[in-house]
Amino acid sequence: MSDERYSPGKTTIAPDVLVSIARLTSLSIEGVSRMAPIPGKLKKLVRKDINDGVQIFVENNSLYADIYVVLRRDINVREV
């Protein structure tokens, strides 16, 4: 065996893929009825978009996601 060290490399994921993962995961949680529109986006008033409910940010090599959902009635928000 050689003692060579390999760098871990770099993986790039398209932002739309991250949005889809966050959206599908959110919708799979019990108590979530649907995705909500992102506040402040005027174009959302006219038509629905696949990105509804998820906003992705990258800052200082960290990924942040704001997720907006509509919950079902009689659901405990803390449990969701």
PDB file of N, CA and C in Angstrom:
ATOM      1  N   MET A   1       0.828  -1.178   0.000  1.00  0.00           N
ATOM      2  CA  MET A   1       0.000   0.000   0.000  1.00  0.00           C
ATOM      3  C   MET A   1       0.870   1.238   0.000  1.00  0.00           C
ATOM      4  N   SER A   2       0.488   2.203  -0.730  1.00  0.00           N
ATOM      5  CA  SER A   2       1.237   3.447  -0.750  1.00  0.00           C
ATOM      6  C   SER A   2       0.663   4.417   0.276  1.00  0.00           C
ATOM      7  N   ASP A   3       1.472   5.372   0.659  1.00  0.00           N
ATOM      8  CA  ASP A   3       1.066   6.352   1.661  1.00  0.00           C
ATOM      9  C   ASP A   3       0.632   7.655   1.002  1.00  0.00           C
ATOM     10  N   GLU A   4       0.115   7.556  -0.220  1.00  0.00           N
ATOM     11  CA  GLU A   4      -0.324   8.754  -0.924  1.00  0.00           C
ATOM     12  C   GLU A   4      -1.605   9.290  -0.295  1.00  0.00           C
ATOM     13  N   ARG A   5      -1.696  10.600  -0.260  1.00  0.00           N
ATOM     14  CA  ARG A   5      -2.911  11.233   0.268  1.00  0.00           C
ATOM     15  C   ARG A   5      -3.677  11.851  -0.898  1.00  0.00           C
ATOM     16  N   TYR A   6      -4.951  11.664  -0.871  1.00  0.00           N
ATOM     17  CA  TYR A   6      -5.806  12.201  -1.912  1.00  0.00           C
ATOM     18  C   TYR A   6      -6.601  13.372  -1.357  1.00  0.00           C
ATOM     19  N   SER A   7      -6.712  14.401  -2.156  1.00  0.00           N
ATOM     20  CA  SER A   7      -7.551  15.515  -1.733  1.00  0.00           C
ATOM     21  C   SER A   7      -9.006  15.081  -1.871  1.00  0.00           C
ATOM     22  N   PRO A   8      -9.876  15.623  -1.033  1.00  0.00           N
ATOM     23  CA  PRO A   8     -11.271  15.179  -1.073  1.00  0.00           C
ATOM     24  C   PRO A   8     -12.006  15.576  -2.342  1.00  0.00           C
ATOM     25  N   GLY A   9     -11.449  16.505  -3.107  1.00  0.00           N
ATOM     26  CA  GLY A   9     -12.107  16.925  -4.342  1.00  0.00           C
ATOM     27  C   GLY A   9     -13.183  17.952  -4.071  1.00  0.00           C
ATOM     28  N   LYS A  10     -13.962  18.205  -5.094  1.00  0.00           N
ATOM     29  CA  LYS A  10     -14.999  19.214  -4.984  1.00  0.00           C
ATOM     30  C   LYS A  10     -16.248  18.717  -5.690  1.00  0.00           C
ATOM     31  N   THR A  11     -17.379  18.847  -5.033  1.00  0.00           N
ATOM     32  CA  THR A  11     -18.654  18.473  -5.609  1.00  0.00           C
ATOM     33  C   THR A  11     -19.492  19.723  -5.764  1.00  0.00           C
ATOM     34  N   THR A  12     -20.046  19.919  -6.928  1.00  0.00           N
ATOM     35  CA  THR A  12     -20.900  21.072  -7.179  1.00  0.00           C
ATOM     36  C   THR A  12     -22.315  20.584  -7.455  1.00  0.00           C
ATOM     37  N   ILE A  13     -23.268  21.188  -6.762  1.00  0.00           N
ATOM     38  CA  ILE A  13     -24.675  20.831  -6.942  1.00  0.00           C
ATOM     39  C   ILE A  13     -25.410  22.070  -7.437  1.00  0.00           C
ATOM     40  N   ALA A  14     -26.171  21.921  -8.485  1.00  0.00           N
ATOM     41  CA  ALA A  14     -26.919  23.045  -9.053  1.00  0.00           C
ATOM     42  C   ALA A  14     -27.933  23.567  -8.040  1.00  0.00           C
ATOM     43  N   PRO A  15     -28.099  24.884  -7.961  1.00  0.00           N
ATOM     44  CA  PRO A  15     -29.070  25.463  -7.017  1.00  0.00           C
ATOM     45  C   PRO A  15     -30.484  24.905  -7.182  1.00  0.00           C
ATOM     46  N   ASP A  16     -30.915  24.643  -8.415  1.00  0.00           N
ATOM     47  CA  ASP A  16     -32.253  24.091  -8.630  1.00  0.00           C
ATOM     48  C   ASP A  16     -32.402  22.707  -7.998  1.00  0.00           C
ATOM     49  N   VAL A  17     -31.329  21.944  -7.979  1.00  0.00           N
ATOM     50  CA  VAL A  17     -31.367  20.623  -7.347  1.00  0.00           C
ATOM     51  C   VAL A  17     -31.528  20.783  -5.834  1.00  0.00           C
ATOM     52  N   LEU A  18     -30.810  21.716  -5.243  1.00  0.00           N
ATOM     53  CA  LEU A  18     -30.938  21.969  -3.806  1.00  0.00           C
ATOM     54  C   LEU A  18     -32.343  22.432  -3.455  1.00  0.00           C
ATOM     55  N   VAL A  19     -32.906  23.297  -4.293  1.00  0.00           N
ATOM     56  CA  VAL A  19     -34.277  23.775  -4.067  1.00  0.00           C
ATOM     57  C   VAL A  19     -35.251  22.602  -4.138  1.00  0.00           C
ATOM     58  N   SER A  20     -35.078  21.729  -5.112  1.00  0.00           N
ATOM     59  CA  SER A  20     -35.962  20.565  -5.251  1.00  0.00           C
ATOM     60  C   SER A  20     -35.864  19.632  -4.053  1.00  0.00           C
ATOM     61  N   ILE A  21     -34.660  19.395  -3.565  1.00  0.00           N
ATOM     62  CA  ILE A  21     -34.477  18.533  -2.393  1.00  0.00           C
ATOM     63  C   ILE A  21     -35.162  19.149  -1.178  1.00  0.00           C
ATOM     64  N   ALA A  22     -34.956  20.443  -0.947  1.00  0.00           N
ATOM     65  CA  ALA A  22     -35.570  21.118   0.197  1.00  0.00           C
ATOM     66  C   ALA A  22     -37.095  21.100   0.083  1.00  0.00           C
ATOM     67  N   ARG A  23     -37.597  21.331  -1.123  1.00  0.00           N
ATOM     68  CA  ARG A  23     -39.047  21.365  -1.344  1.00  0.00           C
ATOM     69  C   ARG A  23     -39.676  19.989  -1.113  1.00  0.00           C
ATOM     70  N   LEU A  24     -39.112  18.959  -1.709  1.00  0.00           N
ATOM     71  CA  LEU A  24     -39.653  17.604  -1.563  1.00  0.00           C
ATOM     72  C   LEU A  24     -39.558  17.115  -0.122  1.00  0.00           C
ATOM     73  N   THR A  25     -38.475  17.450   0.552  1.00  0.00           N
ATOM     74  CA  THR A  25     -38.325  17.062   1.956  1.00  0.00           C
ATOM     75  C   THR A  25     -39.361  17.759   2.821  1.00  0.00           C
ATOM     76  N   SER A  26     -39.580  19.039   2.578  1.00  0.00           N
ATOM     77  CA  SER A  26     -40.571  19.797   3.340  1.00  0.00           C
ATOM     78  C   SER A  26     -41.971  19.227   3.141  1.00  0.00           C
ATOM     79  N   LEU A  27     -42.319  18.904   1.904  1.00  0.00           N
ATOM     80  CA  LEU A  27     -43.644  18.371   1.606  1.00  0.00           C
ATOM     81  C   LEU A  27     -43.863  16.974   2.181  1.00  0.00           C
ATOM     82  N   SER A  28     -42.788  16.267   2.484  1.00  0.00           N
ATOM     83  CA  SER A  28     -42.918  14.914   3.032  1.00  0.00           C
ATOM     84  C   SER A  28     -43.125  14.912   4.546  1.00  0.00           C
ATOM     85  N   ILE A  29     -43.045  16.073   5.168  1.00  0.00           N
ATOM     86  CA  ILE A  29     -43.209  16.160   6.625  1.00  0.00           C
ATOM     87  C   ILE A  29     -44.693  16.197   6.969  1.00  0.00           C
ATOM     88  N   GLU A  30     -45.072  15.357   7.921  1.00  0.00           N
ATOM     89  CA  GLU A  30     -46.474  15.299   8.339  1.00  0.00           C
ATOM     90  C   GLU A  30     -46.896  16.644   8.920  1.00  0.00           C
ATOM     91  N   GLY A  31     -48.012  17.142   8.446  1.00  0.00           N
ATOM     92  CA  GLY A  31     -48.522  18.427   8.908  1.00  0.00           C
ATOM     93  C   GLY A  31     -48.330  19.546   7.906  1.00  0.00           C
ATOM     94  N   VAL A  32     -47.429  19.359   6.937  1.00  0.00           N
ATOM     95  CA  VAL A  32     -47.211  20.372   5.910  1.00  0.00           C
ATOM     96  C   VAL A  32     -48.248  20.158   4.807  1.00  0.00           C
ATOM     97  N   SER A  33     -49.035  21.199   4.541  1.00  0.00           N
ATOM     98  CA  SER A  33     -50.074  21.119   3.529  1.00  0.00           C
ATOM     99  C   SER A  33     -49.523  21.421   2.137  1.00  0.00           C
ATOM    100  N   ARG A  34     -48.772  22.524   2.039  1.00  0.00           N
ATOM    101  CA  ARG A  34     -48.207  22.926   0.748  1.00  0.00           C
ATOM    102  C   ARG A  34     -47.115  23.956   0.991  1.00  0.00           C
ATOM    103  N   MET A  35     -46.418  24.312  -0.079  1.00  0.00           N
ATOM    104  CA  MET A  35     -45.400  25.355   0.008  1.00  0.00           C
ATOM    105  C   MET A  35     -46.090  26.710  -0.107  1.00  0.00           C
ATOM    106  N   ALA A  36     -45.553  27.698   0.584  1.00  0.00           N
ATOM    107  CA  ALA A  36     -46.092  29.058   0.531  1.00  0.00           C
ATOM    108  C   ALA A  36     -45.233  29.901  -0.397  1.00  0.00           C
ATOM    109  N   PRO A  37     -45.816  30.947  -0.978  1.00  0.00           N
ATOM    110  CA  PRO A  37     -45.005  31.837  -1.820  1.00  0.00           C
ATOM    111  C   PRO A  37     -43.945  32.558  -0.994  1.00  0.00           C
ATOM    112  N   ILE A  38     -42.822  32.849  -1.616  1.00  0.00           N
ATOM    113  CA  ILE A  38     -41.760  33.597  -0.949  1.00  0.00           C
ATOM    114  C   ILE A  38     -42.202  35.045  -0.831  1.00  0.00           C
ATOM    115  N   PRO A  39     -42.201  35.605   0.376  1.00  0.00           N
ATOM    116  CA  PRO A  39     -42.652  36.991   0.552  1.00  0.00           C
ATOM    117  C   PRO A  39     -41.812  37.971  -0.272  1.00  0.00           C
ATOM    118  N   GLY A  40     -42.497  38.970  -0.834  1.00  0.00           N
ATOM    119  CA  GLY A  40     -41.799  40.031  -1.536  1.00  0.00           C
ATOM    120  C   GLY A  40     -41.509  39.773  -2.997  1.00  0.00           C
ATOM    121  N   LYS A  41     -41.921  38.652  -3.527  1.00  0.00           N
ATOM    122  CA  LYS A  41     -41.674  38.353  -4.939  1.00  0.00           C
ATOM    123  C   LYS A  41     -42.946  38.627  -5.726  1.00  0.00           C
ATOM    124  N   LEU A  42     -42.963  39.716  -6.485  1.00  0.00           N
ATOM    125  CA  LEU A  42     -44.166  40.121  -7.214  1.00  0.00           C
ATOM    126  C   LEU A  42     -44.564  39.140  -8.299  1.00  0.00           C
ATOM    127  N   LYS A  43     -43.592  38.532  -8.960  1.00  0.00           N
ATOM    128  CA  LYS A  43     -43.944  37.607 -10.045  1.00  0.00           C
ATOM    129  C   LYS A  43     -44.707  36.396  -9.520  1.00  0.00           C
ATOM    130  N   LYS A  44     -44.569  36.117  -8.231  1.00  0.00           N
ATOM    131  CA  LYS A  44     -45.260  34.976  -7.640  1.00  0.00           C
ATOM    132  C   LYS A  44     -46.764  35.207  -7.587  1.00  0.00           C
ATOM    133  N   LEU A  45     -47.196  36.464  -7.653  1.00  0.00           N
ATOM    134  CA  LEU A  45     -48.628  36.746  -7.624  1.00  0.00           C
ATOM    135  C   LEU A  45     -49.303  36.309  -8.910  1.00  0.00           C
ATOM    136  N   VAL A  46     -48.549  36.276  -9.993  1.00  0.00           N
ATOM    137  CA  VAL A  46     -49.111  35.965 -11.297  1.00  0.00           C
ATOM    138  C   VAL A  46     -49.103  34.470 -11.580  1.00  0.00           C
ATOM    139  N   ARG A  47     -47.982  33.817 -11.296  1.00  0.00           N
ATOM    140  CA  ARG A  47     -47.894  32.392 -11.619  1.00  0.00           C
ATOM    141  C   ARG A  47     -47.108  31.634 -10.560  1.00  0.00           C
ATOM    142  N   LYS A  48     -47.375  30.346 -10.469  1.00  0.00           N
ATOM    143  CA  LYS A  48     -46.642  29.485  -9.540  1.00  0.00           C
ATOM    144  C   LYS A  48     -45.317  29.095 -10.177  1.00  0.00           C
ATOM    145  N   ASP A  49     -44.331  28.888  -9.328  1.00  0.00           N
ATOM    146  CA  ASP A  49     -43.005  28.518  -9.800  1.00  0.00           C
ATOM    147  C   ASP A  49     -42.566  27.285  -9.025  1.00  0.00           C
ATOM    148  N   ILE A  50     -41.702  26.476  -9.604  1.00  0.00           N
ATOM    149  CA  ILE A  50     -41.206  25.285  -8.905  1.00  0.00           C
ATOM    150  C   ILE A  50     -40.428  25.672  -7.651  1.00  0.00           C
ATOM    151  N   ASN A  51     -39.895  26.893  -7.621  1.00  0.00           N
ATOM    152  CA  ASN A  51     -39.125  27.350  -6.468  1.00  0.00           C
ATOM    153  C   ASN A  51     -39.994  27.938  -5.370  1.00  0.00           C
ATOM    154  N   ASP A  52     -41.310  27.916  -5.521  1.00  0.00           N
ATOM    155  CA  ASP A  52     -42.176  28.448  -4.476  1.00  0.00           C
ATOM    156  C   ASP A  52     -41.839  27.810  -3.140  1.00  0.00           C
ATOM    157  N   GLY A  53     -41.680  28.649  -2.155  1.00  0.00           N
ATOM    158  CA  GLY A  53     -41.476  28.157  -0.800  1.00  0.00           C
ATOM    159  C   GLY A  53     -40.043  27.938  -0.375  1.00  0.00           C
ATOM    160  N   VAL A  54     -39.088  28.017  -1.282  1.00  0.00           N
ATOM    161  CA  VAL A  54     -37.682  27.759  -0.922  1.00  0.00           C
ATOM    162  C   VAL A  54     -36.792  28.841  -1.511  1.00  0.00           C
ATOM    163  N   GLN A  55     -35.956  29.398  -0.664  1.00  0.00           N
ATOM    164  CA  GLN A  55     -34.966  30.378  -1.102  1.00  0.00           C
ATOM    165  C   GLN A  55     -33.607  29.909  -0.577  1.00  0.00           C
ATOM    166  N   ILE A  56     -32.645  29.765  -1.468  1.00  0.00           N
ATOM    167  CA  ILE A  56     -31.314  29.259  -1.126  1.00  0.00           C
ATOM    168  C   ILE A  56     -30.302  30.408  -1.169  1.00  0.00           C
ATOM    169  N   PHE A  57     -29.422  30.462  -0.150  1.00  0.00           N
ATOM    170  CA  PHE A  57     -28.347  31.447  -0.092  1.00  0.00           C
ATOM    171  C   PHE A  57     -27.038  30.740   0.207  1.00  0.00           C
ATOM    172  N   VAL A  58     -25.952  31.196  -0.404  1.00  0.00           N
ATOM    173  CA  VAL A  58     -24.614  30.703  -0.072  1.00  0.00           C
ATOM    174  C   VAL A  58     -23.806  31.903   0.400  1.00  0.00           C
ATOM    175  N   GLU A  59     -23.240  31.777   1.594  1.00  0.00           N
ATOM    176  CA  GLU A  59     -22.457  32.867   2.173  1.00  0.00           C
ATOM    177  C   GLU A  59     -21.286  32.268   2.951  1.00  0.00           C
ATOM    178  N   ASN A  60     -20.077  32.699   2.633  1.00  0.00           N
ATOM    179  CA  ASN A  60     -18.870  32.213   3.313  1.00  0.00           C
ATOM    180  C   ASN A  60     -18.791  30.686   3.333  1.00  0.00           C
ATOM    181  N   ASN A  61     -19.031  30.072   2.182  1.00  0.00           N
ATOM    182  CA  ASN A  61     -18.984  28.614   2.025  1.00  0.00           C
ATOM    183  C   ASN A  61     -19.998  27.870   2.891  1.00  0.00           C
ATOM    184  N   SER A  62     -21.061  28.542   3.306  1.00  0.00           N
ATOM    185  CA  SER A  62     -22.154  27.909   4.049  1.00  0.00           C
ATOM    186  C   SER A  62     -23.444  28.089   3.266  1.00  0.00           C
ATOM    187  N   LEU A  63     -24.282  27.069   3.290  1.00  0.00           N
ATOM    188  CA  LEU A  63     -25.546  27.107   2.584  1.00  0.00           C
ATOM    189  C   LEU A  63     -26.666  27.388   3.583  1.00  0.00           C
ATOM    190  N   TYR A  64     -27.542  28.309   3.235  1.00  0.00           N
ATOM    191  CA  TYR A  64     -28.696  28.639   4.062  1.00  0.00           C
ATOM    192  C   TYR A  64     -29.948  28.479   3.218  1.00  0.00           C
ATOM    193  N   ALA A  65     -31.010  27.966   3.810  1.00  0.00           N
ATOM    194  CA  ALA A  65     -32.279  27.808   3.107  1.00  0.00           C
ATOM    195  C   ALA A  65     -33.398  28.404   3.946  1.00  0.00           C
ATOM    196  N   ASP A  66     -34.173  29.281   3.338  1.00  0.00           N
ATOM    197  CA  ASP A  66     -35.406  29.778   3.949  1.00  0.00           C
ATOM    198  C   ASP A  66     -36.532  28.970   3.330  1.00  0.00           C
ATOM    199  N   ILE A  67     -37.334  28.345   4.176  1.00  0.00           N
ATOM    200  CA  ILE A  67     -38.403  27.476   3.708  1.00  0.00           C
ATOM    201  C   ILE A  67     -39.732  28.004   4.239  1.00  0.00           C
ATOM    202  N   TYR A  68     -40.668  28.240   3.327  1.00  0.00           N
ATOM    203  CA  TYR A  68     -41.983  28.783   3.663  1.00  0.00           C
ATOM    204  C   TYR A  68     -43.039  27.720   3.380  1.00  0.00           C
ATOM    205  N   VAL A  69     -43.797  27.340   4.406  1.00  0.00           N
ATOM    206  CA  VAL A  69     -44.807  26.299   4.249  1.00  0.00           C
ATOM    207  C   VAL A  69     -46.146  26.755   4.826  1.00  0.00           C
ATOM    208  N   VAL A  70     -47.195  26.105   4.364  1.00  0.00           N
ATOM    209  CA  VAL A  70     -48.525  26.270   4.931  1.00  0.00           C
ATOM    210  C   VAL A  70     -48.834  24.964   5.643  1.00  0.00           C
ATOM    211  N   LEU A  71     -49.203  25.077   6.919  1.00  0.00           N
ATOM    212  CA  LEU A  71     -49.491  23.881   7.713  1.00  0.00           C
ATOM    213  C   LEU A  71     -50.980  23.571   7.697  1.00  0.00           C
ATOM    214  N   ARG A  72     -51.299  22.320   7.960  1.00  0.00           N
ATOM    215  CA  ARG A  72     -52.705  21.901   8.067  1.00  0.00           C
ATOM    216  C   ARG A  72     -53.306  22.452   9.357  1.00  0.00           C
ATOM    217  N   ARG A  73     -54.619  22.510   9.372  1.00  0.00           N
ATOM    218  CA  ARG A  73     -55.320  22.966  10.578  1.00  0.00           C
ATOM    219  C   ARG A  73     -55.070  22.004  11.728  1.00  0.00           C
ATOM    220  N   ASP A  74     -55.196  22.510  12.928  1.00  0.00           N
ATOM    221  CA  ASP A  74     -55.080  21.703  14.156  1.00  0.00           C
ATOM    222  C   ASP A  74     -53.747  20.963  14.259  1.00  0.00           C
ATOM    223  N   ILE A  75     -52.688  21.561  13.714  1.00  0.00           N
ATOM    224  CA  ILE A  75     -51.355  20.974  13.795  1.00  0.00           C
ATOM    225  C   ILE A  75     -50.542  21.779  14.803  1.00  0.00           C
ATOM    226  N   ASN A  76     -49.806  21.072  15.627  1.00  0.00           N
ATOM    227  CA  ASN A  76     -48.915  21.733  16.584  1.00  0.00           C
ATOM    228  C   ASN A  76     -47.657  22.174  15.826  1.00  0.00           C
ATOM    229  N   VAL A  77     -47.454  23.480  15.723  1.00  0.00           N
ATOM    230  CA  VAL A  77     -46.325  24.019  14.951  1.00  0.00           C
ATOM    231  C   VAL A  77     -45.004  23.495  15.500  1.00  0.00           C
ATOM    232  N   ARG A  78     -44.872  23.402  16.781  1.00  0.00           N
ATOM    233  CA  ARG A  78     -43.611  22.931  17.368  1.00  0.00           C
ATOM    234  C   ARG A  78     -43.305  21.488  16.999  1.00  0.00           C
ATOM    235  N   GLU A  79     -44.335  20.678  16.845  1.00  0.00           N
ATOM    236  CA  GLU A  79     -44.107  19.284  16.467  1.00  0.00           C
ATOM    237  C   GLU A  79     -43.662  19.164  15.013  1.00  0.00           C
ATOM    238  N   VAL A  80     -44.152  20.075  14.173  1.00  0.00           N
ATOM    239  CA  VAL A  80     -43.778  20.043  12.762  1.00  0.00           C
ATOM    240  C   VAL A  80     -42.332  20.472  12.652  1.00  0.00           C
TER     241      VAL A  80
END
